[in-house]
């Protein structure tokens, strides 16, 4: 599947893709291994050579990022194909981020905005940096793709829907291609030196075993010093009336950090968590002058959060909590605050096995990246968390400190047991009179 005079430029990944007829390509590996470049080349070739016009679309979480990063690779590839195909970008529609080929095929560069995904349909879908995408976005894209799915990613996470769902399929349905920077013959010595500087075997000050395993060798690796280790993903969510405790945790964020609402439930000694929203740039309340400005109030309404449900919120922002209360929401201040409270909150969560809903991608990423501080030279771990990758985890911690008090849990369990017994008696009487 190559036009005449087009050189593959020694890409082992692309060569394997061109030889395979399987319906899905899964390209996992290190940085600089030609994963994205090969995927985009394959898509361009399919668009050019197809007898009937093809619609293809590359996705990243952020649409602008997709245009700038994946689109840049596409332009480089098209220039190599020559003026008969590439017209200097004259047929590239910047507003729609779409290039139209001479035969009518179209190649788009898009984001995973949930409001836009239902309107996108394509023959070929490429999920770039797929580990950063949530499960719902994958489902939306998969349902609307008729021919080929392509996934490109660095193995940054140990647990992800890619492994649980896509790689768990019948192997006949996908072509799995692993690659490293050593498979790319066109990397400069400077880039190779930067990648290899993280290799602990070289004994350099820049050594980092996790970075080397993931970005150098393209292998999945667990971060050293992870704070939360007892957790797993689940497709289930318990019924509310069977839970000992139930509610929400809210962490406020603004332009840099995301505002995060997490639904939390204690069921049969398991702590279930599910993200409701995880978004940057949210103000607290709706603006009367501009009601379309993104805000927490809108998100709560879209998610249909009952106003009677307790929302345990970041105590550092009392005015924001008061604003939500004025709208009728049962928002309360968390008891977390000082460093000691943070540690006690972490300990409270760590008492339970955490069940993370499979669609909660951001929670999974934070759980895998939230670590204790370490001495970079001796690797000694300190009893202090790194203040990063913790927005959803903070929301969970706020709720846990408020709601996972043992007296509350025991009392609720006794009430549930009594209700279950009453239900059994009622059913028995109906059956046997």
Protein backbone atom coordinates (compact mmCIF):
# COMPACT_ATOMS: atom_id res chain seq x y z
CA UNK A 1 0.00 0.00 0.00
CA UNK A 2 2.61 2.56 -1.11
CA UNK A 3 2.60 5.11 -3.95
CA UNK A 4 5.49 4.91 -6.37
CA UNK A 5 8.74 6.61 -5.35
CA UNK A 6 7.57 7.08 -1.73
CA UNK A 7 10.22 6.04 0.78
CA UNK A 8 9.19 4.58 4.13
CA UNK A 9 12.47 5.96 5.54
CA UNK A 10 13.29 2.79 7.45
CA UNK A 11 10.31 2.88 9.83
CA UNK A 12 9.97 -0.62 11.29
CA UNK A 13 6.59 0.34 12.79
CA UNK A 14 5.14 1.54 9.49
CA UNK A 15 6.48 -1.49 7.67
CA UNK A 16 4.61 -3.80 10.08
CA UNK A 17 1.44 -1.74 9.71
CA UNK A 18 1.59 -1.96 5.91
CA UNK A 19 1.91 -5.74 6.08
CA UNK A 20 -1.08 -6.24 8.41
CA UNK A 21 -4.77 -6.44 7.54
CA UNK A 22 -6.07 -6.61 11.12
CA UNK A 23 -8.84 -4.15 12.08
CA UNK A 24 -6.89 -2.42 14.89
CA UNK A 25 -3.32 -1.24 15.37
CA UNK A 26 -1.93 -0.85 18.91
CA UNK A 27 1.38 1.01 18.87
CA UNK A 28 3.05 1.09 22.29
CA UNK A 29 6.60 2.14 22.98
CA UNK A 30 9.20 4.66 24.03
CA UNK A 31 9.55 8.29 23.08
CA UNK A 32 10.93 8.95 19.59
CA UNK A 33 10.02 5.49 18.26
CA UNK A 34 7.95 6.74 15.25
CA UNK A 35 4.60 5.58 16.69
CA UNK A 36 2.62 8.71 15.81
CA UNK A 37 4.63 9.42 12.67
CA UNK A 38 3.99 5.89 11.37
CA UNK A 39 0.28 6.05 12.19
CA UNK A 40 -0.14 9.37 10.39
CA UNK A 41 1.82 8.09 7.38
CA UNK A 42 -0.38 4.99 7.20
CA UNK A 43 -3.53 7.14 7.34
CA UNK A 44 -2.24 9.48 4.62
CA UNK A 45 -1.46 6.52 2.37
CA UNK A 46 -4.90 5.04 2.92
CA UNK A 47 -6.53 8.38 2.06
CA UNK A 48 -4.49 8.66 -1.14
CA UNK A 49 -4.86 5.09 -2.39
CA UNK A 50 -8.47 4.37 -1.51
CA UNK A 51 -10.77 3.98 -4.54
CA UNK A 52 -13.57 5.67 -2.63
CA UNK A 53 -13.11 8.85 -0.52
CA UNK A 54 -12.07 8.07 3.05
CA UNK A 55 -12.76 10.10 6.20
CA UNK A 56 -9.96 9.81 8.78
CA UNK A 57 -9.52 11.60 12.07
CA UNK A 58 -6.63 11.83 14.56
CA UNK A 59 -7.64 12.61 18.15
CA UNK A 60 -5.92 14.00 21.21
CA UNK A 61 -7.64 15.17 24.38
CA UNK A 62 -7.05 18.78 23.36
CA UNK A 63 -7.97 19.78 19.79
CA UNK A 64 -5.36 22.56 19.53
CA UNK A 65 -2.66 20.18 20.76
CA UNK A 66 -3.72 17.66 18.11
CA UNK A 67 -3.50 20.26 15.32
CA UNK A 68 -0.10 21.49 16.48
CA UNK A 69 1.54 18.13 17.21
CA UNK A 70 -0.07 15.48 15.01
CA UNK A 71 -0.80 18.05 12.30
CA UNK A 72 2.88 19.00 12.20
CA UNK A 73 3.87 15.37 11.57
CA UNK A 74 1.24 15.20 8.84
CA UNK A 75 2.61 18.27 7.06
CA UNK A 76 6.15 16.85 7.18
CA UNK A 77 4.94 13.59 5.64
CA UNK A 78 2.91 15.32 2.96
CA UNK A 79 5.87 17.42 1.85
CA UNK A 80 7.80 14.17 1.31
CA UNK A 81 5.02 12.93 -0.96
CA UNK A 82 5.55 15.81 -3.34
CA UNK A 83 3.46 18.54 -5.03
CA UNK A 84 1.04 16.15 -6.72
CA UNK A 85 -0.40 15.39 -3.27
CA UNK A 86 0.69 18.34 -1.12
CA UNK A 87 -0.33 21.69 -2.55
CA UNK A 88 1.41 23.77 0.07
CA UNK A 89 -1.57 23.50 2.40
CA UNK A 90 -4.01 25.26 0.07
CA UNK A 91 -6.64 22.56 0.61
CA UNK A 92 -6.19 22.62 4.38
CA UNK A 93 -9.20 24.17 6.12
CA UNK A 94 -7.78 25.69 9.32
CA UNK A 95 -11.20 26.33 10.86
CA UNK A 96 -12.23 22.68 10.60
CA UNK A 97 -8.64 21.37 10.89
CA UNK A 98 -9.19 19.28 7.78
CA UNK A 99 -7.01 18.44 4.76
CA UNK A 100 -8.78 17.34 1.57
CA UNK A 101 -6.91 15.02 -0.78
CA UNK A 102 -7.22 15.13 -4.61
CA UNK A 103 -9.52 12.07 -4.58
CA UNK A 104 -11.91 13.64 -2.04
CA UNK A 105 -10.59 11.86 1.05
CA UNK A 106 -10.50 14.03 4.18
CA UNK A 107 -8.18 13.93 7.18
CA UNK A 108 -9.22 15.81 10.35
CA UNK A 109 -7.37 16.69 13.58
CA UNK A 110 -9.70 16.84 16.58
CA UNK A 111 -10.08 16.79 20.36
CA UNK A 112 -12.26 14.61 22.56
CA UNK A 113 -14.73 17.29 23.65
CA UNK A 114 -17.80 15.22 24.69
CA UNK A 115 -20.12 17.79 23.11
CA UNK A 116 -18.50 17.33 19.70
CA UNK A 117 -17.75 13.60 19.64
CA UNK A 118 -21.32 12.49 18.78
CA UNK A 119 -21.07 14.49 15.54
CA UNK A 120 -17.84 12.84 14.37
CA UNK A 121 -17.99 9.78 12.13
CA UNK A 122 -15.02 8.30 10.29
CA UNK A 123 -13.63 5.26 8.51
CA UNK A 124 -10.33 5.53 10.39
CA UNK A 125 -9.80 6.83 13.93
CA UNK A 126 -6.37 7.44 15.44
CA UNK A 127 -6.16 7.95 19.22
CA UNK A 128 -2.83 9.65 19.89
CA UNK A 129 -1.57 9.72 23.49
CA UNK A 130 -4.41 7.27 24.12
CA UNK A 131 -3.51 6.77 27.80
CA UNK A 132 -4.60 10.37 28.43
CA UNK A 133 -8.12 9.71 27.08
CA UNK A 134 -11.03 8.52 29.17
CA UNK A 135 -13.03 5.39 28.55
CA UNK A 136 -16.22 7.25 27.53
CA UNK A 137 -14.35 9.12 24.78
CA UNK A 138 -12.95 5.83 23.48
CA UNK A 139 -16.45 4.34 23.42
CA UNK A 140 -17.90 7.32 21.54
CA UNK A 141 -15.14 7.18 18.92
CA UNK A 142 -15.23 3.39 18.58
CA UNK A 143 -19.01 3.40 17.96
CA UNK A 144 -18.59 5.90 15.13
CA UNK A 145 -15.62 4.29 13.35
CA UNK A 146 -16.41 1.85 10.57
CA UNK A 147 -13.02 0.58 9.43
CA UNK A 148 -9.81 0.96 11.43
CA UNK A 149 -8.86 1.95 14.99
CA UNK A 150 -5.26 3.02 15.71
CA UNK A 151 -3.85 3.64 19.21
CA UNK A 152 -0.48 5.28 19.87
CA UNK A 153 0.89 5.77 23.38
CA UNK A 154 3.81 5.68 25.80
CA UNK A 155 3.27 3.07 28.57
CA UNK A 156 3.03 5.73 31.28
CA UNK A 157 0.39 3.91 33.32
CA UNK A 158 0.25 0.43 34.83
CA UNK A 159 -3.56 0.27 34.78
CA UNK A 160 -5.74 1.63 31.99
CA UNK A 161 -8.78 0.75 29.86
CA UNK A 162 -6.39 0.19 26.95
CA UNK A 163 -5.02 -2.84 28.77
CA UNK A 164 -8.32 -3.98 30.31
CA UNK A 165 -10.46 -3.60 27.17
CA UNK A 166 -8.49 -3.14 23.94
CA UNK A 167 -5.54 -5.43 24.64
CA UNK A 168 -7.86 -7.96 26.28
CA UNK A 169 -9.59 -8.64 22.96
CA UNK A 170 -9.05 -11.71 20.82
CA UNK A 171 -5.48 -11.20 19.44
CA UNK A 172 -6.76 -11.83 15.92
CA UNK A 173 -8.56 -8.48 16.09
CA UNK A 174 -5.47 -6.29 16.52
CA UNK A 175 -1.86 -5.90 15.48
CA UNK A 176 0.28 -5.06 18.51
CA UNK A 177 3.56 -3.32 17.63
CA UNK A 178 6.09 -2.43 20.31
CA UNK A 179 8.90 -0.01 19.46
CA UNK A 180 11.69 2.02 21.07
CA UNK A 181 13.82 4.98 20.06
CA UNK A 182 16.36 2.47 18.71
CA UNK A 183 13.87 1.59 15.94
CA UNK A 184 14.08 5.17 14.66
CA UNK A 185 17.16 5.62 12.47
CA UNK A 186 16.62 9.36 12.08
CA UNK A 187 16.97 10.58 15.67
CA UNK A 188 19.80 13.03 16.21
CA UNK A 189 22.65 12.12 18.60
CA UNK A 190 21.46 14.94 20.89
CA UNK A 191 17.97 13.44 21.25
CA UNK A 192 19.41 9.96 21.84
CA UNK A 193 21.72 11.34 24.54
CA UNK A 194 18.77 13.04 26.26
CA UNK A 195 16.77 9.79 26.30
CA UNK A 196 19.68 7.65 27.48
CA UNK A 197 20.68 10.14 30.19
CA UNK A 198 17.87 8.69 32.33
CA UNK A 199 19.36 5.17 32.23
CA UNK A 200 20.45 4.34 35.82
CA UNK A 201 23.15 2.01 34.47
CA UNK A 202 25.10 5.04 33.21
CA UNK A 203 25.31 6.52 36.71
CA UNK A 204 24.46 10.09 35.63
CA UNK A 205 22.79 12.67 37.87
CA UNK A 206 19.84 12.68 35.47
CA UNK A 207 19.15 8.97 36.05
CA UNK A 208 15.52 8.06 36.69
CA UNK A 209 14.53 4.41 36.51
CA UNK A 210 10.83 5.07 35.84
CA UNK A 211 11.57 7.50 32.99
CA UNK A 212 14.10 5.07 31.53
CA UNK A 213 11.71 2.11 31.68
CA UNK A 214 8.80 4.05 30.14
CA UNK A 215 10.39 6.54 27.73
CA UNK A 216 13.63 4.69 27.02
CA UNK A 217 12.62 1.03 26.91
CA UNK A 218 8.91 1.54 26.26
CA UNK A 219 7.90 -0.70 29.17
CA UNK A 220 5.20 -0.28 31.77
CA UNK A 221 6.68 0.46 35.17
CA UNK A 222 5.31 1.37 38.57
CA UNK A 223 6.57 4.62 40.07
CA UNK A 224 8.64 4.23 43.20
CA UNK A 225 7.04 5.57 46.35
CA UNK A 226 3.41 5.42 45.18
CA UNK A 227 1.16 6.56 48.03
CA UNK A 228 -1.87 4.47 47.09
CA UNK A 229 -1.23 0.87 46.12
CA UNK A 230 -4.48 -0.91 47.09
CA UNK A 231 -6.79 -0.07 44.20
CA UNK A 232 -8.24 -1.57 41.05
CA UNK A 233 -10.63 -0.61 38.26
CA UNK A 234 -14.21 -1.82 38.07
CA UNK A 235 -17.12 -1.61 35.63
CA UNK A 236 -19.61 -1.88 38.49
CA UNK A 237 -21.16 0.82 40.65
CA UNK A 238 -23.12 -0.08 43.80
CA UNK A 239 -26.76 0.85 44.28
CA UNK A 240 -27.05 3.78 46.59
CA UNK A 241 -29.38 2.12 49.08
CA UNK A 242 -26.84 -0.67 49.63
CA UNK A 243 -23.99 1.69 50.59
CA UNK A 244 -22.88 2.46 54.14
CA UNK A 245 -21.83 6.00 53.15
CA UNK A 246 -22.41 8.01 49.97
CA UNK A 247 -21.62 11.52 48.73
CA UNK A 248 -19.19 13.76 46.87
CA UNK A 249 -15.79 15.39 47.32
CA UNK A 250 -14.98 18.69 45.59
CA UNK A 251 -11.56 20.21 44.93
CA UNK A 252 -11.57 23.75 43.57
CA UNK A 253 -9.27 24.67 40.70
CA UNK A 254 -9.01 27.56 38.28
CA UNK A 255 -6.93 28.31 35.18
CA UNK A 256 -3.99 26.01 35.93
CA UNK A 257 -5.52 23.27 38.11
CA UNK A 258 -8.76 21.45 37.32
CA UNK A 259 -11.87 21.71 39.46
CA UNK A 260 -12.78 18.15 40.37
CA UNK A 261 -15.92 16.49 41.69
CA UNK A 262 -15.70 12.82 42.70
CA UNK A 263 -18.63 10.60 43.61
CA UNK A 264 -17.73 8.37 46.56
CA UNK A 265 -19.42 5.34 48.08
CA UNK A 266 -18.57 2.84 50.79
CA UNK A 267 -20.01 -0.58 49.92
CA UNK A 268 -19.12 -3.83 51.69
CA UNK A 269 -15.85 -2.33 53.00
CA UNK A 270 -14.79 -1.22 49.50
CA UNK A 271 -14.38 2.48 48.69
CA UNK A 272 -15.88 3.14 45.25
CA UNK A 273 -14.89 6.36 43.45
CA UNK A 274 -16.03 7.84 40.16
CA UNK A 275 -15.17 11.24 38.65
CA UNK A 276 -18.12 13.47 37.79
CA UNK A 277 -16.07 16.28 36.25
CA UNK A 278 -12.37 17.16 36.03
CA UNK A 279 -11.99 20.46 34.19
CA UNK A 280 -9.79 23.54 34.10
CA UNK A 281 -11.05 27.11 33.81
CA UNK A 282 -14.25 26.69 35.81
CA UNK A 283 -15.49 29.64 37.82
CA UNK A 284 -17.80 28.81 40.71
CA UNK A 285 -21.16 30.29 39.68
CA UNK A 286 -22.86 31.10 36.42
CA UNK A 287 -22.28 34.65 35.18
CA UNK A 288 -25.43 36.70 34.63
CA UNK A 289 -23.64 38.72 31.95
CA UNK A 290 -22.25 35.66 30.17
CA UNK A 291 -24.12 32.46 31.17
CA UNK A 292 -22.02 30.37 28.74
CA UNK A 293 -18.81 30.83 30.72
CA UNK A 294 -17.82 27.37 32.11
CA UNK A 295 -18.61 27.04 35.81
CA UNK A 296 -19.05 24.50 38.60
CA UNK A 297 -22.73 25.38 38.94
CA UNK A 298 -23.38 24.34 35.34
CA UNK A 299 -21.42 21.12 35.80
CA UNK A 300 -23.41 20.20 38.92
CA UNK A 301 -26.66 20.80 37.04
CA UNK A 302 -25.53 18.80 34.00
CA UNK A 303 -24.58 15.90 36.25
CA UNK A 304 -27.96 16.21 38.04
CA UNK A 305 -26.35 16.25 41.49
CA UNK A 306 -29.15 16.30 44.09
CA UNK A 307 -29.00 19.48 46.15
CA UNK A 308 -29.59 17.48 49.31
CA UNK A 309 -26.44 15.36 48.80
CA UNK A 310 -23.44 16.35 50.87
CA UNK A 311 -20.52 17.81 48.91
CA UNK A 312 -17.40 17.91 51.09
CA UNK A 313 -15.32 20.76 49.68
CA UNK A 314 -11.84 22.26 49.84
CA UNK A 315 -11.87 24.35 53.04
CA UNK A 316 -9.34 26.84 51.64
CA UNK A 317 -12.09 28.51 49.61
CA UNK A 318 -14.89 29.42 52.05
CA UNK A 319 -16.38 32.05 49.73
CA UNK A 320 -16.79 29.48 46.94
CA UNK A 321 -18.44 27.07 49.37
CA UNK A 322 -20.81 29.84 50.49
CA UNK A 323 -21.65 30.59 46.85
CA UNK A 324 -22.66 26.96 46.27
CA UNK A 325 -24.69 26.98 49.49
CA UNK A 326 -26.52 30.08 48.30
CA UNK A 327 -27.50 28.11 45.17
CA UNK A 328 -29.04 25.47 47.40
CA UNK A 329 -26.27 22.88 47.34
CA UNK A 330 -25.28 21.04 50.52
CA UNK A 331 -21.61 22.04 50.27
CA UNK A 332 -19.61 21.86 53.51
CA UNK A 333 -16.02 22.60 54.47
CA UNK A 334 -13.68 19.64 54.69
CA UNK A 335 -11.77 18.95 57.91
CA UNK A 336 -8.51 18.64 55.96
CA UNK A 337 -6.08 21.51 55.94
CA UNK A 338 -2.81 21.42 57.84
CA UNK A 339 -0.07 18.99 56.83
CA UNK A 340 -0.94 16.59 59.65
CA UNK A 341 -4.55 16.54 58.50
CA UNK A 342 -3.41 15.70 54.96
CA UNK A 343 -1.47 12.69 56.22
CA UNK A 344 -4.34 11.51 58.42
CA UNK A 345 -6.68 11.85 55.43
CA UNK A 346 -4.35 9.76 53.27
CA UNK A 347 -4.21 7.14 56.03
CA UNK A 348 -8.02 7.13 56.17
CA UNK A 349 -8.30 6.37 52.44
CA UNK A 350 -5.53 3.76 52.62
CA UNK A 351 -7.56 1.73 55.12
CA UNK A 352 -9.84 0.66 52.28
CA UNK A 353 -9.49 -1.19 49.00
CA UNK A 354 -10.36 1.45 46.40
CA UNK A 355 -12.53 0.49 43.43
CA UNK A 356 -12.11 3.05 40.63
CA UNK A 357 -14.80 3.16 37.97
CA UNK A 358 -13.22 2.29 34.63
CA UNK A 359 -14.41 5.56 33.08
CA UNK A 360 -12.50 7.65 35.65
CA UNK A 361 -9.27 8.03 33.74
CA UNK A 362 -7.97 11.05 35.67
CA UNK A 363 -8.36 9.30 39.02
CA UNK A 364 -6.41 6.31 37.69
CA UNK A 365 -3.62 8.54 36.41
CA UNK A 366 -3.36 10.37 39.73
CA UNK A 367 -3.32 7.14 41.73
CA UNK A 368 -0.38 5.91 39.67
CA UNK A 369 1.55 9.19 39.77
CA UNK A 370 0.92 10.46 43.34
CA UNK A 371 4.10 9.68 45.31
CA UNK A 372 5.99 10.38 48.49
CA UNK A 373 8.90 12.81 48.27
CA UNK A 374 12.28 11.18 47.74
CA UNK A 375 15.90 12.15 48.11
CA UNK A 376 17.02 12.05 44.43
CA UNK A 377 20.49 10.86 45.40
CA UNK A 378 19.80 8.24 48.08
CA UNK A 379 16.19 7.41 47.02
CA UNK A 380 15.20 7.75 50.70
CA UNK A 381 11.42 8.30 50.97
CA UNK A 382 10.02 11.06 53.19
CA UNK A 383 6.63 11.00 54.90
CA UNK A 384 5.40 13.91 52.78
CA UNK A 385 3.48 13.70 49.50
CA UNK A 386 4.60 15.48 46.35
CA UNK A 387 2.02 18.23 45.77
CA UNK A 388 1.19 17.11 42.24
CA UNK A 389 -1.23 14.71 40.54
CA UNK A 390 -3.64 15.01 43.47
CA UNK A 391 -6.74 17.03 42.48
CA UNK A 392 -9.19 14.11 42.34
CA UNK A 393 -7.35 12.40 45.21
CA UNK A 394 -7.76 15.51 47.36
CA UNK A 395 -11.50 15.47 46.63
CA UNK A 396 -11.66 11.82 47.72
CA UNK A 397 -9.64 12.62 50.84
CA UNK A 398 -12.00 15.47 51.83
CA UNK A 399 -14.97 13.12 51.63
CA UNK A 400 -13.18 10.26 53.39
CA UNK A 401 -12.20 12.34 56.44
CA UNK A 402 -15.78 13.57 56.81
CA UNK A 403 -17.65 10.36 56.06
CA UNK A 404 -15.49 7.36 56.91
CA UNK A 405 -15.69 7.81 60.65
CA UNK A 406 -16.14 4.30 62.06
CA UNK A 407 -19.12 5.20 64.26
CA UNK A 408 -20.99 6.55 61.25
CA UNK A 409 -20.13 3.48 59.20
CA UNK A 410 -21.13 0.98 61.90
CA UNK A 411 -24.41 2.75 62.57
CA UNK A 412 -25.30 2.79 58.88
CA UNK A 413 -24.35 -0.88 58.47
CA UNK A 414 -26.70 -1.82 61.30
CA UNK A 415 -29.53 0.13 59.64
CA UNK A 416 -28.86 -1.58 56.28
CA UNK A 417 -28.82 -4.98 57.95
CA UNK A 418 -32.17 -4.26 59.59
CA UNK A 419 -33.65 -3.11 56.28
CA UNK A 420 -32.38 -6.22 54.52
CA UNK A 421 -33.92 -8.43 57.19
CA UNK A 422 -37.25 -6.61 56.90
CA UNK A 423 -37.12 -7.04 53.13
CA UNK A 424 -36.46 -10.77 53.51
CA UNK A 425 -39.36 -11.18 55.95
CA UNK A 426 -41.68 -9.30 53.60
CA UNK A 427 -40.67 -11.48 50.62
CA UNK A 428 -41.11 -14.65 52.70
CA UNK A 429 -44.60 -13.63 53.76
CA UNK A 430 -45.59 -12.87 50.16
CA UNK A 431 -44.35 -16.26 48.96
CA UNK A 432 -45.75 -18.42 51.76
CA UNK A 433 -48.60 -16.35 53.20
